[in-house]
Amino acid sequence: MYVCVCQAVTDRQIREAAESGARTLKDLRRDLGVTRDCGRCASCAHECLKEAHSCAPKPGKVNRMAA
């Protein structure tokens, strides 16, 4: 799904950015251009980023389902 139409940024790209270290909306703006033009995508982009981090495995935790 497109999150930022102005920059053609998708939720998948935001998840990938989160996996690569993006932690804030400012990081997404730097890396993907999110909010650079009209800014209407800010709340949705923030939610996607927050969701990406809440679903990510925690460092040092063992995923027992994968083992």
N, C-alpha and C. Protein backbone atom coordinates (compact mmCIF):
# COMPACT_ATOMS: atom_id res chain seq x y z
N MET A 1 0.84 -1.16 0.00
CA MET A 1 0.00 0.00 0.00
C MET A 1 0.90 1.24 0.00
N TYR A 2 0.49 2.23 -0.78
CA TYR A 2 1.23 3.49 -0.78
C TYR A 2 0.91 4.27 0.48
N VAL A 3 1.95 4.70 1.16
CA VAL A 3 1.81 5.52 2.35
C VAL A 3 2.03 6.98 1.97
N CYS A 4 3.07 7.23 1.20
CA CYS A 4 3.38 8.58 0.73
C CYS A 4 3.25 8.61 -0.78
N VAL A 5 2.17 9.20 -1.25
CA VAL A 5 1.92 9.26 -2.68
C VAL A 5 2.90 10.21 -3.37
N CYS A 6 3.24 11.30 -2.72
CA CYS A 6 4.14 12.29 -3.31
C CYS A 6 5.50 11.69 -3.67
N GLN A 7 6.00 10.81 -2.81
CA GLN A 7 7.32 10.20 -3.03
C GLN A 7 7.22 8.73 -3.44
N ALA A 8 5.99 8.23 -3.61
CA ALA A 8 5.74 6.83 -4.01
C ALA A 8 6.40 5.84 -3.05
N VAL A 9 6.17 6.06 -1.75
CA VAL A 9 6.74 5.20 -0.70
C VAL A 9 5.65 4.26 -0.20
N THR A 10 6.00 2.98 -0.13
CA THR A 10 5.04 1.97 0.32
C THR A 10 5.30 1.54 1.76
N ASP A 11 4.32 0.85 2.33
CA ASP A 11 4.50 0.32 3.68
C ASP A 11 5.63 -0.70 3.72
N ARG A 12 5.83 -1.43 2.65
CA ARG A 12 6.94 -2.39 2.58
C ARG A 12 8.29 -1.67 2.68
N GLN A 13 8.42 -0.55 1.99
CA GLN A 13 9.66 0.21 2.06
C GLN A 13 9.91 0.74 3.47
N ILE A 14 8.84 1.12 4.15
CA ILE A 14 8.98 1.60 5.52
C ILE A 14 9.42 0.46 6.43
N ARG A 15 8.84 -0.73 6.25
CA ARG A 15 9.28 -1.89 7.05
C ARG A 15 10.75 -2.20 6.78
N GLU A 16 11.16 -2.15 5.53
CA GLU A 16 12.56 -2.41 5.19
C GLU A 16 13.48 -1.35 5.81
N ALA A 17 13.04 -0.11 5.79
CA ALA A 17 13.83 0.97 6.41
C ALA A 17 13.96 0.73 7.91
N ALA A 18 12.88 0.28 8.54
CA ALA A 18 12.92 -0.03 9.97
C ALA A 18 13.90 -1.15 10.25
N GLU A 19 13.90 -2.17 9.41
CA GLU A 19 14.84 -3.29 9.56
C GLU A 19 16.28 -2.83 9.37
N SER A 20 16.47 -1.77 8.58
CA SER A 20 17.80 -1.23 8.33
C SER A 20 18.22 -0.19 9.34
N GLY A 21 17.35 0.09 10.32
CA GLY A 21 17.75 0.99 11.39
C GLY A 21 16.94 2.25 11.56
N ALA A 22 15.99 2.53 10.67
CA ALA A 22 15.17 3.74 10.84
C ALA A 22 14.35 3.62 12.11
N ARG A 23 14.39 4.64 12.94
CA ARG A 23 13.68 4.62 14.22
C ARG A 23 12.64 5.73 14.34
N THR A 24 12.81 6.79 13.57
CA THR A 24 11.93 7.95 13.70
C THR A 24 11.41 8.40 12.34
N LEU A 25 10.42 9.27 12.37
CA LEU A 25 9.90 9.86 11.15
C LEU A 25 10.99 10.66 10.43
N LYS A 26 11.86 11.27 11.22
CA LYS A 26 12.99 12.01 10.65
C LYS A 26 13.90 11.07 9.85
N ASP A 27 14.11 9.85 10.36
CA ASP A 27 14.91 8.86 9.64
C ASP A 27 14.23 8.49 8.32
N LEU A 28 12.90 8.32 8.36
CA LEU A 28 12.17 7.98 7.13
C LEU A 28 12.23 9.11 6.12
N ARG A 29 12.19 10.32 6.61
CA ARG A 29 12.30 11.47 5.69
C ARG A 29 13.67 11.48 5.02
N ARG A 30 14.70 11.25 5.80
CA ARG A 30 16.07 11.23 5.27
C ARG A 30 16.24 10.08 4.27
N ASP A 31 15.76 8.91 4.63
CA ASP A 31 16.00 7.71 3.82
C ASP A 31 15.06 7.55 2.64
N LEU A 32 13.79 7.94 2.82
CA LEU A 32 12.78 7.66 1.80
C LEU A 32 12.08 8.90 1.25
N GLY A 33 12.22 10.03 1.91
CA GLY A 33 11.56 11.25 1.45
C GLY A 33 10.16 11.43 2.00
N VAL A 34 9.75 10.56 2.93
CA VAL A 34 8.42 10.64 3.52
C VAL A 34 8.25 12.00 4.19
N THR A 35 7.12 12.62 4.04
CA THR A 35 6.72 13.93 4.59
C THR A 35 7.45 15.12 3.95
N ARG A 36 8.25 14.87 2.95
CA ARG A 36 9.03 15.95 2.35
C ARG A 36 8.16 16.96 1.60
N ASP A 37 7.08 16.50 1.00
CA ASP A 37 6.25 17.42 0.20
C ASP A 37 5.05 17.92 1.00
N CYS A 38 3.93 17.25 0.94
CA CYS A 38 2.71 17.79 1.56
C CYS A 38 2.59 17.43 3.04
N GLY A 39 3.17 16.32 3.48
CA GLY A 39 3.14 15.94 4.89
C GLY A 39 1.92 15.17 5.34
N ARG A 40 0.97 14.92 4.44
CA ARG A 40 -0.25 14.19 4.84
C ARG A 40 0.02 12.75 5.25
N CYS A 41 1.14 12.21 4.87
CA CYS A 41 1.46 10.81 5.16
C CYS A 41 2.08 10.61 6.54
N ALA A 42 2.36 11.67 7.25
CA ALA A 42 3.12 11.58 8.50
C ALA A 42 2.52 10.61 9.50
N SER A 43 1.23 10.69 9.76
CA SER A 43 0.65 9.82 10.78
C SER A 43 0.65 8.36 10.34
N CYS A 44 0.34 8.10 9.08
CA CYS A 44 0.34 6.73 8.58
C CYS A 44 1.76 6.17 8.55
N ALA A 45 2.73 6.97 8.13
CA ALA A 45 4.12 6.53 8.09
C ALA A 45 4.61 6.21 9.50
N HIS A 46 4.23 7.05 10.45
CA HIS A 46 4.62 6.82 11.85
C HIS A 46 4.03 5.52 12.36
N GLU A 47 2.76 5.27 12.05
CA GLU A 47 2.10 4.02 12.47
C GLU A 47 2.78 2.80 11.84
N CYS A 48 3.11 2.88 10.57
CA CYS A 48 3.80 1.77 9.90
C CYS A 48 5.15 1.50 10.54
N LEU A 49 5.87 2.55 10.87
CA LEU A 49 7.17 2.41 11.52
C LEU A 49 7.02 1.79 12.90
N LYS A 50 6.04 2.26 13.66
CA LYS A 50 5.78 1.73 14.99
C LYS A 50 5.40 0.25 14.92
N GLU A 51 4.56 -0.10 13.96
CA GLU A 51 4.15 -1.49 13.79
C GLU A 51 5.33 -2.37 13.38
N ALA A 52 6.19 -1.86 12.52
CA ALA A 52 7.36 -2.62 12.09
C ALA A 52 8.26 -2.94 13.27
N HIS A 53 8.40 -1.99 14.19
CA HIS A 53 9.25 -2.23 15.35
C HIS A 53 8.58 -3.13 16.38
N SER A 54 7.27 -3.09 16.47
CA SER A 54 6.59 -3.95 17.44
C SER A 54 6.57 -5.41 16.98
N CYS A 55 6.66 -5.64 15.68
CA CYS A 55 6.66 -7.00 15.13
C CYS A 55 8.06 -7.58 14.99
N ALA A 56 9.06 -6.74 15.10
CA ALA A 56 10.44 -7.20 14.92
C ALA A 56 10.88 -8.05 16.11
N PRO A 57 11.66 -9.13 15.86
CA PRO A 57 12.16 -9.93 16.97
C PRO A 57 13.12 -9.12 17.82
N LYS A 58 13.06 -9.32 19.11
CA LYS A 58 13.94 -8.60 20.04
C LYS A 58 15.33 -9.23 20.02
N PRO A 59 16.38 -8.40 20.05
CA PRO A 59 17.73 -8.94 20.08
C PRO A 59 17.95 -9.84 21.29
N GLY A 60 18.59 -10.96 21.07
CA GLY A 60 18.91 -11.86 22.17
C GLY A 60 17.80 -12.84 22.50
N LYS A 61 16.64 -12.67 21.92
CA LYS A 61 15.53 -13.58 22.17
C LYS A 61 15.57 -14.72 21.16
N VAL A 62 15.28 -15.90 21.62
CA VAL A 62 15.28 -17.07 20.75
C VAL A 62 13.85 -17.30 20.28
N ASN A 63 13.71 -17.43 18.97
CA ASN A 63 12.40 -17.74 18.40
C ASN A 63 12.22 -19.25 18.47
N ARG A 64 11.48 -19.73 19.44
CA ARG A 64 11.31 -21.16 19.65
C ARG A 64 10.55 -21.84 18.52
N MET A 65 9.72 -21.09 17.81
CA MET A 65 8.98 -21.66 16.68
C MET A 65 9.93 -21.96 15.52
N ALA A 66 10.99 -21.17 15.36
CA ALA A 66 11.93 -21.37 14.26
C ALA A 66 12.96 -22.44 14.58
N ALA A 67 13.16 -22.72 15.87
CA ALA A 67 14.20 -23.66 16.27
C ALA A 67 13.77 -25.09 16.10
